[in-house]
Protein backbone atom coordinates (compact mmCIF):
# COMPACT_ATOMS: atom_id res chain seq x y z
CA MET A 1 -100.06 11.08 -14.08
CA THR A 2 -102.96 9.82 -16.51
CA ALA A 3 -106.80 9.77 -15.96
CA PRO A 4 -108.27 6.49 -15.04
CA LYS A 5 -109.89 4.70 -17.98
CA PHE A 6 -114.00 5.19 -17.56
CA SER A 7 -114.46 1.44 -17.02
CA SER A 8 -112.27 1.35 -14.43
CA ILE A 9 -114.12 4.00 -13.18
CA ALA A 10 -117.76 2.39 -14.05
CA ARG A 11 -116.38 -0.65 -12.46
CA THR A 12 -114.93 0.86 -8.86
CA ARG A 13 -118.51 2.86 -8.28
CA ALA A 14 -120.20 -0.51 -8.92
CA GLU A 15 -118.25 -2.10 -6.72
CA SER A 16 -118.59 0.30 -4.05
CA ARG A 17 -122.41 0.67 -4.11
CA PRO A 18 -124.02 -1.17 -1.18
CA MET A 19 -126.30 -3.92 -2.44
CA PRO A 20 -130.01 -3.52 -1.25
CA ALA A 21 -130.85 -5.78 0.96
CA THR A 22 -134.92 -5.64 0.64
CA SER A 23 -134.40 -6.38 -3.60
CA VAL A 24 -134.27 -9.89 -3.25
CA LYS A 25 -135.32 -12.13 0.15
CA ARG A 26 -132.48 -14.08 1.17
CA PRO A 27 -132.99 -17.66 2.42
CA VAL A 28 -131.80 -17.88 6.23
CA ARG A 29 -132.16 -21.32 8.03
CA LEU A 30 -133.47 -20.48 11.32
CA LEU A 31 -133.19 -22.80 14.62
CA LEU A 32 -135.07 -22.45 17.68
CA ASP A 33 -133.99 -23.09 20.98
CA THR A 34 -137.21 -22.95 22.68
CA ASP A 35 -135.58 -24.36 26.26
CA ASP A 36 -132.37 -21.95 25.93
CA ASP A 37 -130.24 -24.97 26.72
CA HIS A 38 -126.47 -24.29 27.20
CA ALA A 39 -125.90 -27.55 25.30
CA VAL A 40 -126.75 -25.47 22.41
CA ASP A 41 -124.41 -22.78 22.50
CA ARG A 42 -121.82 -25.61 23.23
CA SER A 43 -122.42 -27.41 20.47
CA ALA A 44 -122.56 -24.37 18.04
CA HIS A 45 -119.06 -23.33 19.25
CA GLN A 46 -117.41 -26.83 18.54
CA TRP A 47 -119.18 -26.93 15.27
CA ALA A 48 -117.10 -23.73 14.00
CA ASP A 49 -113.74 -23.99 12.32
CA PRO A 50 -112.50 -21.31 10.10
CA ALA A 51 -110.04 -23.84 8.34
CA ARG A 52 -113.19 -25.56 7.08
CA ARG A 53 -114.87 -22.47 6.16
CA ARG A 54 -117.49 -22.12 8.84
CA ILE A 55 -117.80 -19.72 11.85
CA THR A 56 -120.08 -19.29 14.85
CA VAL A 57 -120.69 -15.63 15.92
CA GLU A 58 -121.52 -14.61 19.28
CA PRO A 59 -122.89 -11.22 19.80
CA THR A 60 -121.78 -8.54 22.43
CA PRO A 61 -124.34 -8.61 24.67
CA HIS A 62 -125.78 -5.62 26.02
CA THR A 63 -124.96 -3.72 22.46
CA THR A 64 -127.22 -2.76 19.70
CA SER A 65 -124.38 -1.12 17.20
CA PRO A 66 -124.09 -2.94 13.67
CA ALA A 67 -120.26 -1.90 14.30
CA HIS A 68 -119.94 -4.47 17.25
CA LEU A 69 -121.72 -6.98 15.87
CA ALA A 70 -119.11 -6.72 12.88
CA LEU A 71 -116.37 -6.65 15.37
CA ASP A 72 -117.92 -9.80 16.60
CA VAL A 73 -118.02 -11.65 12.96
CA LEU A 74 -114.22 -10.58 12.64
CA ARG A 75 -113.26 -11.87 16.21
CA ALA A 76 -115.20 -15.38 14.93
CA MET A 77 -112.70 -15.40 11.93
CA GLY A 78 -109.93 -14.74 14.09
CA ARG A 79 -109.05 -11.22 13.88
CA GLU A 80 -108.91 -10.09 17.30
CA GLY A 81 -108.91 -6.23 16.86
CA TYR A 82 -106.57 -3.82 18.20
CA PHE A 83 -105.52 -4.08 21.57
CA ARG A 84 -104.61 -0.11 21.97
CA PRO A 85 -107.63 2.08 21.79
CA GLU A 86 -105.23 4.66 20.12
CA ALA A 87 -104.39 2.23 17.07
CA GLU A 88 -107.72 2.48 15.19
CA ARG A 89 -111.58 2.58 15.80
CA MET A 90 -113.39 1.08 13.16
CA SER A 91 -116.78 2.61 12.54
CA THR A 92 -119.81 0.68 10.95
CA ASN A 93 -119.24 1.27 7.23
CA PRO A 94 -115.72 0.12 7.33
CA ALA A 95 -116.11 -2.66 9.92
CA TRP A 96 -118.58 -4.27 7.56
CA ARG A 97 -116.96 -3.88 4.59
CA ALA A 98 -113.73 -5.75 6.23
CA VAL A 99 -116.08 -8.47 6.76
CA THR A 100 -117.20 -9.14 3.53
CA CYS A 101 -113.60 -8.92 2.13
CA TRP A 102 -112.32 -11.15 4.59
CA THR A 103 -115.30 -13.85 3.99
CA LEU A 104 -114.64 -13.55 0.10
CA THR A 105 -111.20 -14.04 0.66
CA THR A 106 -110.94 -16.93 3.27
CA GLY A 107 -114.13 -18.33 1.39
CA ILE A 108 -115.93 -18.60 4.45
CA ARG A 109 -119.03 -20.83 3.52
CA ASP A 110 -121.37 -21.51 6.48
CA VAL A 111 -122.19 -18.86 9.69
CA ILE A 112 -124.24 -19.40 12.92
CA VAL A 113 -125.09 -16.39 14.76
CA LEU A 114 -125.97 -16.70 18.36
CA ARG A 115 -128.94 -14.70 20.16
CA ALA A 116 -130.66 -14.05 17.03
CA HIS A 117 -133.77 -12.79 18.91
CA ARG A 118 -131.94 -9.73 20.37
CA LEU A 119 -130.77 -8.57 16.95
CA SER A 120 -131.89 -5.15 16.24
CA ALA A 121 -133.58 -4.31 12.89
CA GLU A 122 -130.51 -2.70 11.51
CA ARG A 123 -128.17 -5.30 12.73
CA LEU A 124 -130.46 -8.05 10.81
CA ARG A 125 -130.18 -5.66 7.47
CA ARG A 126 -126.66 -5.70 7.83
CA LEU A 127 -126.65 -9.64 7.90
CA ALA A 128 -128.89 -9.68 4.87
CA VAL A 129 -126.62 -7.49 3.07
CA TRP A 130 -123.70 -9.81 4.29
CA VAL A 131 -125.56 -12.87 3.01
CA ALA A 132 -126.45 -10.75 -0.43
CA GLN A 133 -122.64 -9.95 -1.19
CA THR A 134 -120.83 -12.96 -0.27
CA GLY A 135 -123.23 -15.95 -1.08
CA ILE A 136 -122.81 -17.62 2.81
CA ARG A 137 -125.40 -20.15 4.09
CA LEU A 138 -126.49 -17.83 7.46
CA THR A 139 -128.01 -19.76 10.23
CA LEU A 140 -129.60 -17.71 12.95
CA LEU A 141 -130.33 -19.46 16.64
CA ALA A 142 -132.75 -17.93 18.34
CA HIS A 143 -134.18 -18.80 21.85
CA THR A 144 -137.67 -17.80 22.30
CA PRO A 145 -139.69 -20.00 24.64
CA GLN A 146 -142.89 -17.95 23.48
CA ARG A 147 -144.61 -18.28 20.31
CA ASP A 148 -145.19 -14.28 20.27
CA GLY A 149 -141.07 -14.20 20.57
CA GLU A 150 -141.02 -16.52 17.65
CA ARG A 151 -143.82 -14.31 15.52
CA SER A 152 -142.12 -11.01 16.01
CA LEU A 153 -138.17 -12.50 15.21
CA LEU A 154 -139.79 -13.75 11.82
CA GLU A 155 -141.65 -10.21 10.77
CA HIS A 156 -138.37 -8.59 11.81
CA LEU A 157 -136.22 -10.72 9.80
CA THR A 158 -138.54 -10.60 6.42
CA ALA A 159 -138.68 -6.66 6.73
CA ALA A 160 -134.72 -7.02 6.98
CA GLY A 161 -134.90 -8.80 3.65
CA LEU A 162 -134.12 -12.34 4.82
CA ASP A 163 -136.49 -15.33 3.90
CA PRO A 164 -136.61 -17.20 7.30
CA GLN A 165 -137.15 -20.93 7.37
CA VAL A 166 -137.59 -22.55 10.88
CA ALA A 167 -135.26 -26.09 10.49
CA ALA A 168 -135.53 -27.14 13.69
CA ARG A 169 -137.49 -26.63 17.21
CA GLY A 170 -136.22 -27.79 20.62
CA THR A 171 -133.12 -28.73 22.01
CA THR A 172 -132.75 -32.23 20.42
CA CYS A 173 -133.48 -30.90 17.03
CA VAL A 174 -131.30 -27.96 17.25
CA LEU A 175 -128.32 -30.22 18.47
CA ASP A 176 -128.97 -32.35 15.29
CA ALA A 177 -129.13 -29.66 12.51
CA ILE A 178 -126.16 -27.91 14.09
CA GLY A 179 -124.08 -31.13 13.13
CA PRO A 180 -120.86 -32.97 15.07
CA ALA A 181 -118.16 -30.97 16.40
CA ALA A 182 -115.41 -29.57 14.13
CA GLY A 183 -112.55 -31.17 16.08
CA ARG A 184 -110.10 -28.31 15.26
CA ARG A 185 -106.79 -27.71 16.28
CA THR A 186 -106.15 -24.71 18.18
CA GLY A 187 -103.00 -22.53 18.65
CA SER A 188 -100.84 -20.52 16.84
CA PRO A 189 -98.58 -22.37 14.07
CA PRO A 190 -94.81 -23.40 15.47
CA HIS A 191 -92.16 -20.82 16.02
CA ASP A 192 -89.89 -20.15 12.84
CA HIS A 193 -86.13 -21.51 12.65
CA THR A 194 -83.52 -21.25 9.80
CA TYR A 195 -80.11 -21.82 9.79
CA ARG A 196 -77.95 -18.99 11.15
CA LEU A 197 -75.22 -17.80 8.65
CA PRO A 198 -71.71 -16.05 10.02
CA PRO A 199 -70.70 -13.07 8.34
CA LEU A 200 -69.53 -13.33 4.83
CA PRO A 201 -66.67 -11.97 2.95
CA HIS A 202 -67.84 -8.98 0.66
CA SER A 203 -65.48 -10.17 -2.29
CA PRO A 204 -66.25 -9.58 -6.12
CA VAL A 205 -67.87 -12.15 -7.54
CA PRO A 206 -64.73 -13.96 -9.34
CA VAL A 207 -63.62 -15.20 -5.78
CA PHE A 208 -66.09 -15.12 -3.45
CA ARG A 209 -66.95 -18.72 -3.58
CA GLU A 210 -63.27 -19.51 -2.94
CA ASP A 211 -63.22 -17.17 -0.20
CA CYS A 212 -66.11 -18.81 1.55
CA ARG A 213 -64.34 -22.23 1.20
CA ARG A 214 -61.40 -20.84 2.54
CA ARG A 215 -62.94 -18.85 5.92
CA LEU A 216 -65.73 -20.82 6.81
CA ASN A 217 -66.06 -24.50 8.40
CA PRO A 218 -67.61 -26.97 6.28
CA ALA A 219 -71.21 -27.05 7.61
CA ASP A 220 -71.58 -23.08 6.99
CA PHE A 221 -69.92 -23.59 3.69
CA ALA A 222 -72.24 -26.12 2.72
CA HIS A 223 -75.09 -23.86 3.46
CA THR A 224 -73.51 -20.86 1.89
CA ASP A 225 -72.82 -22.68 -1.24
CA GLY A 226 -76.62 -23.64 -1.66
CA GLN A 227 -77.98 -20.23 -1.40
CA TYR A 228 -75.12 -18.96 -4.02
CA ARG A 229 -75.85 -22.06 -6.24
CA ALA A 230 -79.55 -21.42 -5.86
CA GLY A 231 -78.92 -17.63 -7.16
CA TYR A 232 -76.81 -19.31 -10.24
CA ALA A 233 -79.53 -21.31 -11.15
CA ALA A 234 -82.25 -18.59 -10.76
CA ALA A 235 -80.28 -16.04 -13.10
CA ARG A 236 -79.67 -18.47 -15.92
CA THR A 237 -83.01 -19.84 -15.82
CA TRP A 238 -84.29 -16.13 -15.70
CA LEU A 239 -82.23 -15.08 -18.42
CA ALA A 240 -82.99 -17.98 -20.94
CA ARG A 241 -86.52 -17.36 -20.42
CA THR A 242 -86.48 -13.42 -20.85
CA GLN A 243 -83.52 -12.50 -23.02
CA PRO A 244 -83.56 -13.59 -26.59
CA PRO A 245 -80.64 -15.94 -27.20
CA ARG A 246 -77.28 -14.24 -29.00
CA PRO A 247 -76.37 -15.08 -32.39
CA GLU A 248 -73.09 -17.31 -32.48
CA ASN A 249 -71.45 -15.25 -35.08
CA THR A 250 -71.92 -11.77 -33.75
CA PRO A 251 -69.05 -9.46 -35.33
CA THR A 252 -66.59 -8.23 -32.91
CA THR A 253 -68.21 -4.43 -32.15
CA SER A 254 -65.36 -1.44 -31.04
CA ARG A 255 -64.55 -1.08 -27.31
CA ARG A 256 -67.10 1.75 -27.29
CA ASP A 257 -69.91 -0.32 -27.86
CA GLU A 258 -68.71 -3.36 -25.94
CA ARG A 259 -71.76 -3.26 -23.72
CA THR A 260 -75.26 -2.05 -23.91
CA PRO A 261 -77.28 -1.35 -21.12
CA PHE A 262 -80.46 -2.90 -19.91
CA SER A 263 -83.65 -0.84 -21.39
CA LEU A 264 -86.68 0.68 -19.17
CA GLN A 265 -88.70 -2.81 -19.36
CA GLN A 266 -85.51 -4.69 -19.01
CA THR A 267 -84.88 -2.80 -15.97
CA GLU A 268 -88.29 -3.34 -14.42
CA ALA A 269 -88.08 -6.98 -14.93
CA LEU A 270 -84.75 -7.43 -13.36
CA ARG A 271 -85.54 -5.40 -10.11
CA LEU A 272 -88.79 -7.76 -10.03
CA PHE A 273 -86.25 -10.97 -10.67
CA LEU A 274 -83.71 -9.70 -7.80
CA ALA A 275 -87.11 -9.20 -5.47
CA ARG A 276 -88.00 -12.38 -6.09
CA LEU A 277 -84.70 -14.17 -5.57
CA THR A 278 -84.50 -12.34 -2.18
CA VAL A 279 -87.85 -12.08 -0.76
CA SER A 280 -87.65 -15.03 1.06
CA SER A 281 -83.90 -14.84 2.62
CA PRO A 282 -84.20 -15.20 6.37
CA SER A 283 -81.00 -12.88 6.73
CA PRO A 284 -78.60 -10.34 4.99
CA GLN A 285 -75.92 -12.95 4.59
CA HIS A 286 -78.44 -15.62 3.04
CA THR A 287 -78.97 -12.35 0.31
CA LEU A 288 -75.52 -11.67 -0.05
CA ALA A 289 -74.92 -15.28 -1.52
CA ARG A 290 -77.79 -15.58 -3.53
CA VAL A 291 -76.99 -12.21 -5.07
CA ARG A 292 -73.22 -13.27 -5.39
CA GLY A 293 -74.46 -16.30 -7.25
CA ALA A 294 -76.91 -14.40 -9.31
CA GLN A 295 -74.07 -12.27 -10.52
CA ALA A 296 -71.76 -15.48 -11.41
CA GLY A 297 -75.18 -16.57 -13.27
CA PHE A 298 -75.45 -13.34 -15.22
CA LEU A 299 -71.67 -13.58 -16.53
CA SER A 300 -72.01 -17.21 -17.61
CA ARG A 301 -74.75 -15.57 -20.20
CA SER A 302 -72.41 -12.51 -21.16
CA THR A 303 -74.25 -9.96 -19.15
CA LEU A 304 -72.94 -7.86 -16.15
CA LEU A 305 -74.85 -7.51 -13.02
CA ASP A 306 -73.63 -4.51 -10.81
CA VAL A 307 -74.44 -4.49 -7.58
CA PRO A 308 -74.23 -2.25 -4.88
CA HIS A 309 -70.75 -2.33 -2.74
CA ASP A 310 -72.37 -1.71 0.41
CA LEU A 311 -75.24 -4.50 -0.19
CA THR A 312 -75.78 -5.65 3.50
CA THR A 313 -76.20 -1.97 4.64
CA ARG A 314 -78.83 -0.96 2.56
CA THR A 315 -82.71 -1.33 2.50
CA GLY A 316 -84.75 -3.55 0.26
CA PRO A 317 -85.76 -7.23 -0.46
CA GLY A 318 -83.38 -9.57 1.27
CA ILE A 319 -81.76 -7.03 3.73
CA THR A 320 -84.68 -5.15 5.34
CA THR A 321 -87.24 -7.62 5.33
CA LYS A 322 -88.55 -10.38 7.20
CA PRO A 323 -90.07 -13.73 5.42
CA LEU A 324 -93.88 -14.38 5.85
CA THR A 325 -93.60 -17.58 7.42
CA PRO A 326 -96.94 -19.35 8.73
CA GLN A 327 -96.29 -17.73 12.35
CA THR A 328 -95.87 -14.24 10.98
CA VAL A 329 -98.94 -14.44 8.78
CA HIS A 330 -100.66 -15.97 11.72
CA THR A 331 -99.78 -12.93 14.03
CA ILE A 332 -100.61 -10.04 11.48
CA THR A 333 -104.33 -11.71 10.55
CA THR A 334 -104.74 -12.05 14.35
CA ARG A 335 -103.80 -8.65 15.75
CA LEU A 336 -105.29 -6.43 12.45
CA PRO A 337 -108.96 -6.57 11.20
CA ASN A 338 -108.56 -3.77 9.08
CA PRO A 339 -107.21 -5.27 5.66
CA LEU A 340 -105.75 -2.12 4.53
CA ARG A 341 -103.77 -2.42 8.13
CA ALA A 342 -102.47 -5.79 7.41
CA ALA A 343 -101.58 -5.52 3.68
CA ALA A 344 -99.70 -2.08 5.04
CA ILE A 345 -97.64 -4.18 7.42
CA ALA A 346 -97.13 -7.20 5.46
CA ALA A 347 -95.91 -4.81 2.74
CA LEU A 348 -93.00 -3.41 5.02
CA LEU A 349 -92.31 -6.81 5.92
CA PHE A 350 -91.70 -8.01 2.23
CA THR A 351 -90.68 -5.16 0.90
CA GLY A 352 -88.25 -3.76 3.50
CA THR A 353 -88.64 -0.15 1.87
CA ASP A 354 -89.39 3.01 3.56
CA THR A 355 -93.04 4.21 4.80
CA SER A 356 -92.75 7.14 2.49
CA LEU A 357 -92.08 5.41 -0.99
CA LEU A 358 -94.96 2.42 0.05
CA SER A 359 -97.57 5.19 0.63
CA MET A 360 -97.16 6.03 -3.14
CA THR A 361 -98.35 2.37 -3.98
CA GLN A 362 -101.60 3.14 -6.31
CA THR A 363 -104.33 0.51 -6.18
CA ALA A 364 -103.47 -0.29 -9.72
CA GLY A 365 -100.07 -0.90 -8.81
CA ILE A 366 -100.82 -4.37 -7.55
CA GLU A 367 -100.48 -6.54 -10.81
CA HIS A 368 -100.38 -10.25 -11.81
CA ALA A 369 -102.79 -11.91 -9.58
CA HIS A 370 -101.30 -10.13 -6.80
CA SER A 371 -98.31 -11.23 -6.95
CA THR A 372 -96.21 -8.13 -8.04
CA LEU A 373 -96.35 -4.54 -6.41
CA ALA A 374 -94.77 -1.67 -8.42
CA ILE A 375 -94.46 1.90 -7.36
CA ASP A 376 -94.15 4.83 -10.09
CA ARG A 377 -92.30 6.83 -7.98
CA ASP A 378 -90.97 8.82 -10.63
CA SER A 379 -94.22 9.82 -12.16
CA ARG A 380 -95.63 11.23 -9.10
CA ILE A 381 -92.47 13.29 -8.22
CA ASN A 382 -91.28 14.39 -11.16
CA ILE A 383 -94.91 15.06 -13.17
CA GLY A 384 -94.25 15.89 -16.96
CA GLU A 385 -90.50 14.43 -17.07
CA PRO A 386 -90.26 10.65 -19.19
CA PRO A 387 -91.18 7.75 -17.05
CA GLY A 388 -88.48 5.87 -15.48
CA PRO A 389 -88.22 2.14 -14.15
CA ARG A 390 -90.69 1.54 -11.36
CA HIS A 391 -89.71 0.28 -7.93
CA MET A 392 -90.71 -3.52 -8.40
CA TYR A 393 -91.43 -5.75 -5.28
CA ALA A 394 -92.48 -9.72 -5.32
CA VAL A 395 -95.50 -10.30 -3.32
CA PRO A 396 -94.82 -13.86 -1.26
CA PRO A 397 -97.59 -16.55 -1.70
CA ARG A 398 -98.59 -15.93 1.63
CA ALA A 399 -99.04 -12.29 1.70
CA ARG A 400 -100.81 -12.06 -1.77
CA PRO A 401 -104.38 -12.95 0.30
CA LEU A 402 -103.86 -10.05 2.10
CA LEU A 403 -103.19 -7.94 -0.48
CA GLN A 404 -106.13 -8.99 -2.72
CA THR A 405 -108.31 -8.10 0.54
CA ALA A 406 -106.95 -4.61 1.27
CA VAL A 407 -107.74 -4.14 -3.01
CA ALA A 408 -111.34 -5.13 -2.42
CA PHE A 409 -111.78 -3.35 0.47
CA ARG A 410 -110.19 -0.08 -1.53
CA ARG A 411 -112.04 -0.68 -4.30
CA ARG A 412 -115.42 -1.22 -2.22
CA THR A 413 -114.44 2.38 -0.45
CA PRO A 414 -116.84 5.33 -1.63
CA ARG A 415 -115.19 7.45 -4.13
CA THR A 416 -112.13 5.24 -4.87
CA TYR A 417 -110.59 5.18 -8.27
CA ASP A 418 -107.41 2.42 -9.44
CA HIS A 419 -105.06 5.56 -9.28
CA HIS A 420 -105.51 6.24 -5.88
CA GLY A 421 -103.18 5.14 -2.99
CA LEU A 422 -103.81 1.99 -1.90
CA PHE A 423 -102.34 2.36 1.57
CA ALA A 424 -103.55 5.91 1.86
CA ASN A 425 -103.90 7.07 5.60
CA CYS A 426 -102.59 3.58 6.82
CA PHE A 427 -99.55 4.80 8.15
CA GLY A 428 -101.17 7.66 10.08
CA THR A 429 -99.52 9.77 12.52
CA THR A 430 -96.81 9.01 14.65
CA PRO A 431 -98.38 8.08 17.84
CA ARG A 432 -101.20 5.98 15.71
CA PHE A 433 -98.81 4.56 13.75
CA GLU A 434 -96.55 3.34 16.89
CA ALA A 435 -99.83 2.10 18.19
CA LEU A 436 -100.38 0.20 15.32
CA ILE A 437 -96.34 -1.29 15.73
CA ALA A 438 -97.36 -2.22 19.23
CA ASP A 439 -100.60 -3.85 18.71
CA VAL A 440 -98.72 -6.06 15.91
CA GLY A 441 -95.85 -6.96 18.06
CA LEU A 442 -93.41 -7.73 15.26
CA PRO A 443 -89.62 -6.34 14.25
CA ILE A 444 -89.95 -4.47 11.32
CA PRO A 445 -86.32 -3.91 10.20
CA ALA A 446 -87.14 -1.34 7.55
CA LEU A 447 -87.98 1.03 10.39
CA ALA A 448 -84.85 1.24 12.13
CA ARG A 449 -82.67 1.88 8.72
CA HIS A 450 -82.82 4.32 6.10
CA ALA A 451 -80.02 5.11 3.28
CA GLY A 452 -81.42 6.16 0.38
CA ASP A 453 -82.99 3.84 -2.38
CA ASP A 454 -83.15 0.15 -2.21
CA TRP A 455 -80.33 -1.72 -3.47
CA HIS A 456 -82.03 -3.52 -5.97
CA THR A 457 -83.61 -0.11 -7.50
CA ALA A 458 -79.64 0.86 -7.49
CA THR A 459 -78.36 -2.02 -9.57
CA HIS A 460 -77.63 -2.12 -13.06
CA ALA A 461 -77.03 -4.58 -16.04
CA TRP A 462 -75.54 -4.59 -19.14
CA HIS A 463 -75.44 -7.16 -22.22
CA LEU A 464 -71.32 -7.76 -22.81
CA HIS A 465 -70.68 -8.07 -26.42
CA THR A 466 -67.97 -10.93 -25.77
CA PRO A 467 -68.27 -14.69 -25.63
CA ALA A 468 -69.75 -16.00 -22.81
CA PRO A 469 -67.19 -18.04 -20.46
CA ARG A 470 -67.01 -21.83 -20.38
CA THR A 471 -69.06 -23.09 -17.49
CA SER A 472 -70.84 -26.30 -16.03
CA ASP A 473 -74.31 -26.67 -15.23
CA PHE A 474 -73.15 -25.85 -11.55
CA PRO A 475 -70.54 -23.39 -10.50
CA ALA A 476 -67.29 -24.53 -10.16
CA PRO A 477 -64.44 -23.07 -7.58
CA PHE A 478 -63.30 -20.25 -9.59
């Protein structure tokens, strides 16, 4: 294990320091509802729309805890919180770190906080830090019928590091300052639906497509052949982009040297390609068809791709994964306000690997604009030995904001460096992890199967020093 670079250490320490709220006065718009009209509250709630990057926060009554206010902000963003107390209880600092990270990731720009005249000094300071770290436009809606209450509120805001600017006074002016209703659409995304494939033959590559044609009805074969052709085209495209062309006048080699295994870097790239090919696969049967097509595409480029014969009983992408559809992401983000927990559950769904391996993910293991997750298991277990190929996983586009938020949350945590675990303590003890899974309410196939290494890490490839077989742009029946 190598020591972290000083630049990354300095960056992480700088990010983890809370920004002082009183160094610069942050402007805040103040609306004074002197009549305490219910229409003002209703208008503020109708104005909110997280899809348009604006929310309305209603503080929990009869509480003064800053942590409760952070949870109220998360709830306004659509993150309802944990249903089971044993799952997790977020304290003040982690809750506000979660608020900051979710705000930056989702791009929230405008915020209205109701009942501002009842906010304590500590809550106002937290709001000032939130404004300083994210640059949101904050509007405080206060109900102060008396001048003394208004004067006291202005003093508290100034002491908290905010620069209050009274924008409206009275019901009519406040309603005009809030603006029209958003007219947002409520409810969760539609349920998922995919075409279900029947059991496919486990035939080798040369006869797989013909066996499928012979055993399946026309509709099932058409869907299976579509997955097969997608794998074939993806393999040929990937090889054309990553592997240098072999000269046509290559001399004939001896039988002992007629194939060359992939190097360490090529093996990692191959694992990432296979993960990207199958991460969106809705079932193991779809994965089998895609992988067989990829094997045919590799053979057409004089490359042998050897996958485990028990592919559909293994773990890994496309086998023990669940596609991250809009419905799935909506469920995760709604029920898990902690960015680390949300990203950990999403990672279980798109990697399909075991929790013991996933817990080895380092913060620096999220690469390439949060599109790749790399786990260096061999270096952490076999310290001092030459490094082996890392476990590579493709991050689906819908999961990248979750990983981005989790990385930002981890780096804002005090005394955290890039070589520390990203999902450290996320899976916790068995009762707590079971409560977390129950809160999510999603089936996680990786938890029900443990069969050694993931299939794409047990896959090997060789360059064949033989002429490539003649193939057309699309695979024909063998």
